[in-house]
Amino acid sequence: MKVSIPHTLGKDEVRRRLHARAGDAEGKASDMLGGAVSIAMQWLDEDHLKMDVSAMGFSIPCALEIQESALEFNVDIPQGLGFARKMIESAIREKGEKLLT
C-alpha cells in the first residue's frame, strides 16, 4: 500500500523533523494500538527510511521516502491484516500530517 502525504516544507526541514521525532514513534504507536509495539528503523540514505513494525503478532515492513513535496510511505500489509488496511492508512495519514505541522 502506498500513502502519499503532501508538504511544502522542503526535504531539509522534513529530515530535521523526522530525526527529531523518530524516538517517539514506538510510544505513540503503542498508545494508539493499546499494546506493545516494536519499531526498528534504519536510514538507508538521507531520504529513505526503512522500518519494521511489529504489533499484535504481525511484522509489517515499511519504507518512507522524503520527496521535495511529499512523504511517500510504502507499507507491505501481511495477508492476515487486510481487514485493517483502511485503519492503517488512516493512522499513517494522521501521524504523518502531525509530523509535518
N, C-alpha and C. Protein backbone atom coordinates (compact mmCIF):
# COMPACT_ATOMS: atom_id res chain seq x y z
N MET A 1 0.84 -1.16 0.00
CA MET A 1 0.00 0.00 0.00
C MET A 1 0.90 1.23 0.00
N LYS A 2 0.54 2.20 -0.80
CA LYS A 2 1.27 3.48 -0.82
C LYS A 2 0.38 4.57 -0.24
N VAL A 3 1.01 5.40 0.57
CA VAL A 3 0.32 6.56 1.15
C VAL A 3 1.23 7.75 0.95
N SER A 4 0.72 8.76 0.27
CA SER A 4 1.50 9.96 -0.01
C SER A 4 0.90 11.12 0.79
N ILE A 5 1.77 11.84 1.51
CA ILE A 5 1.34 12.99 2.29
C ILE A 5 2.06 14.23 1.76
N PRO A 6 1.32 15.10 1.10
CA PRO A 6 1.95 16.30 0.52
C PRO A 6 2.45 17.26 1.61
N HIS A 7 3.48 18.02 1.26
CA HIS A 7 4.00 19.04 2.16
C HIS A 7 4.64 20.16 1.34
N THR A 8 4.92 21.27 2.01
CA THR A 8 5.58 22.42 1.36
C THR A 8 6.83 22.81 2.14
N LEU A 9 7.37 21.89 2.91
CA LEU A 9 8.49 22.19 3.81
C LEU A 9 9.86 22.08 3.17
N GLY A 10 9.98 21.34 2.10
CA GLY A 10 11.30 21.04 1.54
C GLY A 10 11.92 19.85 2.27
N LYS A 11 12.83 19.18 1.60
CA LYS A 11 13.44 17.97 2.14
C LYS A 11 14.21 18.21 3.44
N ASP A 12 14.97 19.28 3.51
CA ASP A 12 15.79 19.52 4.71
C ASP A 12 14.95 19.63 5.97
N GLU A 13 13.85 20.38 5.90
CA GLU A 13 13.01 20.55 7.08
C GLU A 13 12.31 19.25 7.45
N VAL A 14 11.87 18.48 6.46
CA VAL A 14 11.23 17.19 6.75
C VAL A 14 12.23 16.25 7.41
N ARG A 15 13.45 16.21 6.90
CA ARG A 15 14.51 15.38 7.52
C ARG A 15 14.72 15.79 8.98
N ARG A 16 14.82 17.08 9.22
CA ARG A 16 15.04 17.57 10.58
C ARG A 16 13.91 17.11 11.50
N ARG A 17 12.68 17.24 11.07
CA ARG A 17 11.54 16.84 11.89
C ARG A 17 11.50 15.33 12.12
N LEU A 18 11.80 14.56 11.10
CA LEU A 18 11.83 13.10 11.26
C LEU A 18 12.88 12.67 12.26
N HIS A 19 14.07 13.22 12.15
CA HIS A 19 15.14 12.86 13.08
C HIS A 19 14.79 13.29 14.51
N ALA A 20 14.17 14.45 14.66
CA ALA A 20 13.83 14.95 15.99
C ALA A 20 12.73 14.15 16.66
N ARG A 21 11.82 13.57 15.87
CA ARG A 21 10.65 12.91 16.44
C ARG A 21 10.65 11.39 16.30
N ALA A 22 11.64 10.82 15.67
CA ALA A 22 11.67 9.37 15.43
C ALA A 22 11.68 8.57 16.72
N GLY A 23 12.31 9.08 17.76
CA GLY A 23 12.38 8.36 19.02
C GLY A 23 11.05 8.18 19.71
N ASP A 24 10.06 8.98 19.36
CA ASP A 24 8.73 8.90 19.98
C ASP A 24 7.82 7.90 19.29
N ALA A 25 8.25 7.32 18.17
CA ALA A 25 7.36 6.50 17.33
C ALA A 25 6.81 5.28 18.06
N GLU A 26 7.64 4.54 18.77
CA GLU A 26 7.17 3.32 19.44
C GLU A 26 6.11 3.65 20.50
N GLY A 27 6.37 4.65 21.30
CA GLY A 27 5.42 5.02 22.35
C GLY A 27 4.08 5.46 21.79
N LYS A 28 4.12 6.27 20.75
CA LYS A 28 2.88 6.75 20.15
C LYS A 28 2.10 5.61 19.50
N ALA A 29 2.82 4.69 18.84
CA ALA A 29 2.16 3.54 18.22
C ALA A 29 1.55 2.63 19.28
N SER A 30 2.27 2.42 20.38
CA SER A 30 1.75 1.59 21.47
C SER A 30 0.48 2.21 22.06
N ASP A 31 0.50 3.51 22.27
CA ASP A 31 -0.68 4.20 22.80
C ASP A 31 -1.87 4.06 21.85
N MET A 32 -1.60 4.20 20.56
CA MET A 32 -2.67 4.14 19.56
C MET A 32 -3.28 2.74 19.50
N LEU A 33 -2.45 1.70 19.57
CA LEU A 33 -2.94 0.32 19.45
C LEU A 33 -3.33 -0.29 20.79
N GLY A 34 -2.94 0.34 21.87
CA GLY A 34 -3.26 -0.20 23.18
C GLY A 34 -2.47 -1.44 23.54
N GLY A 35 -1.30 -1.61 22.97
CA GLY A 35 -0.46 -2.77 23.26
C GLY A 35 0.97 -2.51 22.88
N ALA A 36 1.79 -3.53 23.06
CA ALA A 36 3.22 -3.40 22.76
C ALA A 36 3.47 -3.32 21.26
N VAL A 37 4.32 -2.39 20.90
CA VAL A 37 4.73 -2.20 19.51
C VAL A 37 6.24 -2.04 19.49
N SER A 38 6.86 -2.67 18.52
CA SER A 38 8.31 -2.54 18.33
C SER A 38 8.55 -1.98 16.93
N ILE A 39 9.38 -0.96 16.84
CA ILE A 39 9.70 -0.36 15.53
C ILE A 39 11.21 -0.31 15.39
N ALA A 40 11.72 -1.03 14.41
CA ALA A 40 13.15 -0.98 14.07
C ALA A 40 13.30 -0.05 12.87
N MET A 41 14.15 0.97 13.01
CA MET A 41 14.34 1.96 11.94
C MET A 41 15.77 1.95 11.46
N GLN A 42 15.93 2.10 10.16
CA GLN A 42 17.26 2.17 9.57
C GLN A 42 17.23 3.16 8.41
N TRP A 43 18.06 4.20 8.52
CA TRP A 43 18.19 5.15 7.43
C TRP A 43 19.08 4.51 6.36
N LEU A 44 18.55 4.37 5.15
CA LEU A 44 19.32 3.81 4.04
C LEU A 44 20.18 4.89 3.39
N ASP A 45 19.66 6.09 3.36
CA ASP A 45 20.37 7.30 2.94
C ASP A 45 19.57 8.47 3.52
N GLU A 46 19.91 9.68 3.17
CA GLU A 46 19.26 10.83 3.82
C GLU A 46 17.77 10.97 3.48
N ASP A 47 17.29 10.30 2.43
CA ASP A 47 15.90 10.43 2.02
C ASP A 47 15.09 9.15 2.14
N HIS A 48 15.69 8.06 2.61
CA HIS A 48 14.99 6.77 2.66
C HIS A 48 15.14 6.11 4.03
N LEU A 49 14.01 5.87 4.67
CA LEU A 49 13.97 5.24 5.98
C LEU A 49 13.24 3.91 5.86
N LYS A 50 13.89 2.85 6.32
CA LYS A 50 13.29 1.52 6.35
C LYS A 50 12.81 1.28 7.77
N MET A 51 11.59 0.76 7.92
CA MET A 51 11.04 0.46 9.23
C MET A 51 10.43 -0.94 9.22
N ASP A 52 10.61 -1.64 10.31
CA ASP A 52 9.94 -2.91 10.53
C ASP A 52 9.12 -2.74 11.79
N VAL A 53 7.80 -2.78 11.63
CA VAL A 53 6.89 -2.58 12.74
C VAL A 53 6.34 -3.93 13.17
N SER A 54 6.46 -4.25 14.44
CA SER A 54 5.91 -5.49 14.99
C SER A 54 4.83 -5.13 15.99
N ALA A 55 3.62 -5.66 15.74
CA ALA A 55 2.50 -5.38 16.63
C ALA A 55 1.45 -6.48 16.47
N MET A 56 0.83 -6.84 17.55
CA MET A 56 -0.27 -7.80 17.55
C MET A 56 0.08 -9.10 16.83
N GLY A 57 1.34 -9.53 16.96
CA GLY A 57 1.77 -10.78 16.34
C GLY A 57 2.11 -10.69 14.87
N PHE A 58 2.11 -9.49 14.31
CA PHE A 58 2.42 -9.29 12.90
C PHE A 58 3.69 -8.47 12.75
N SER A 59 4.40 -8.72 11.68
CA SER A 59 5.55 -7.91 11.30
C SER A 59 5.18 -7.19 10.01
N ILE A 60 5.31 -5.88 10.03
CA ILE A 60 4.89 -5.07 8.89
C ILE A 60 6.08 -4.27 8.37
N PRO A 61 6.65 -4.68 7.23
CA PRO A 61 7.75 -3.92 6.64
C PRO A 61 7.22 -2.62 6.00
N CYS A 62 7.92 -1.54 6.27
CA CYS A 62 7.52 -0.23 5.75
C CYS A 62 8.75 0.50 5.22
N ALA A 63 8.52 1.43 4.33
CA ALA A 63 9.58 2.29 3.84
C ALA A 63 9.02 3.70 3.70
N LEU A 64 9.87 4.67 3.94
CA LEU A 64 9.48 6.07 3.84
C LEU A 64 10.50 6.77 2.94
N GLU A 65 9.98 7.50 1.98
CA GLU A 65 10.84 8.29 1.09
C GLU A 65 10.48 9.76 1.26
N ILE A 66 11.48 10.58 1.52
CA ILE A 66 11.28 12.02 1.60
C ILE A 66 11.43 12.58 0.19
N GLN A 67 10.35 13.13 -0.31
CA GLN A 67 10.38 13.79 -1.61
C GLN A 67 10.27 15.29 -1.40
N GLU A 68 10.57 16.05 -2.41
CA GLU A 68 10.57 17.52 -2.27
C GLU A 68 9.22 18.06 -1.84
N SER A 69 8.13 17.44 -2.28
CA SER A 69 6.81 17.97 -1.93
C SER A 69 5.87 16.91 -1.35
N ALA A 70 6.42 15.77 -0.91
CA ALA A 70 5.57 14.73 -0.31
C ALA A 70 6.42 13.76 0.51
N LEU A 71 5.77 13.13 1.49
CA LEU A 71 6.33 11.97 2.17
C LEU A 71 5.62 10.77 1.55
N GLU A 72 6.38 9.83 1.08
CA GLU A 72 5.81 8.65 0.42
C GLU A 72 6.06 7.43 1.30
N PHE A 73 4.98 6.86 1.82
CA PHE A 73 5.05 5.65 2.64
C PHE A 73 4.69 4.44 1.78
N ASN A 74 5.47 3.38 1.89
CA ASN A 74 5.17 2.10 1.27
C ASN A 74 5.07 1.08 2.39
N VAL A 75 3.92 0.44 2.50
CA VAL A 75 3.66 -0.49 3.59
C VAL A 75 3.25 -1.83 3.00
N ASP A 76 3.95 -2.89 3.39
CA ASP A 76 3.60 -4.25 2.96
C ASP A 76 2.69 -4.86 4.01
N ILE A 77 1.40 -4.80 3.77
CA ILE A 77 0.44 -5.31 4.73
C ILE A 77 0.35 -6.84 4.59
N PRO A 78 0.61 -7.57 5.68
CA PRO A 78 0.51 -9.03 5.64
C PRO A 78 -0.93 -9.48 5.33
N GLN A 79 -1.07 -10.66 4.76
CA GLN A 79 -2.39 -11.17 4.39
C GLN A 79 -3.36 -11.14 5.55
N GLY A 80 -2.92 -11.50 6.73
CA GLY A 80 -3.81 -11.55 7.88
C GLY A 80 -4.29 -10.20 8.37
N LEU A 81 -3.73 -9.11 7.85
CA LEU A 81 -4.13 -7.77 8.27
C LEU A 81 -4.88 -6.99 7.19
N GLY A 82 -5.28 -7.67 6.14
CA GLY A 82 -6.01 -7.00 5.06
C GLY A 82 -7.23 -6.25 5.55
N PHE A 83 -7.89 -6.81 6.57
CA PHE A 83 -9.09 -6.17 7.13
C PHE A 83 -8.78 -4.81 7.75
N ALA A 84 -7.53 -4.58 8.14
CA ALA A 84 -7.15 -3.35 8.83
C ALA A 84 -6.51 -2.31 7.90
N ARG A 85 -6.56 -2.55 6.62
CA ARG A 85 -5.91 -1.68 5.64
C ARG A 85 -6.32 -0.22 5.80
N LYS A 86 -7.62 0.04 5.86
CA LYS A 86 -8.09 1.43 5.97
C LYS A 86 -7.67 2.07 7.30
N MET A 87 -7.68 1.28 8.37
CA MET A 87 -7.25 1.80 9.67
C MET A 87 -5.76 2.16 9.63
N ILE A 88 -4.95 1.30 9.02
CA ILE A 88 -3.51 1.55 8.92
C ILE A 88 -3.26 2.79 8.07
N GLU A 89 -3.94 2.90 6.94
CA GLU A 89 -3.77 4.07 6.08
C GLU A 89 -4.17 5.35 6.81
N SER A 90 -5.28 5.30 7.52
CA SER A 90 -5.74 6.46 8.27
C SER A 90 -4.73 6.87 9.34
N ALA A 91 -4.17 5.90 10.04
CA ALA A 91 -3.17 6.19 11.09
C ALA A 91 -1.92 6.81 10.48
N ILE A 92 -1.47 6.30 9.33
CA ILE A 92 -0.29 6.85 8.66
C ILE A 92 -0.56 8.30 8.26
N ARG A 93 -1.72 8.55 7.67
CA ARG A 93 -2.06 9.92 7.26
C ARG A 93 -2.12 10.87 8.47
N GLU A 94 -2.80 10.44 9.52
CA GLU A 94 -2.94 11.30 10.69
C GLU A 94 -1.60 11.61 11.33
N LYS A 95 -0.79 10.58 11.58
CA LYS A 95 0.50 10.80 12.23
C LYS A 95 1.48 11.50 11.30
N GLY A 96 1.44 11.19 10.02
CA GLY A 96 2.32 11.85 9.05
C GLY A 96 2.03 13.33 8.93
N GLU A 97 0.75 13.68 8.92
CA GLU A 97 0.37 15.10 8.83
C GLU A 97 0.76 15.85 10.10
N LYS A 98 0.60 15.20 11.27
CA LYS A 98 1.02 15.83 12.52
C LYS A 98 2.53 16.07 12.54
N LEU A 99 3.26 15.12 12.00
CA LEU A 99 4.71 15.24 11.93
C LEU A 99 5.11 16.48 11.14
N LEU A 100 4.35 16.78 10.11
CA LEU A 100 4.71 17.88 9.22
C LEU A 100 4.17 19.24 9.67
N THR A 101 3.41 19.26 10.77
CA THR A 101 2.88 20.56 11.22
C THR A 101 3.74 21.16 12.32
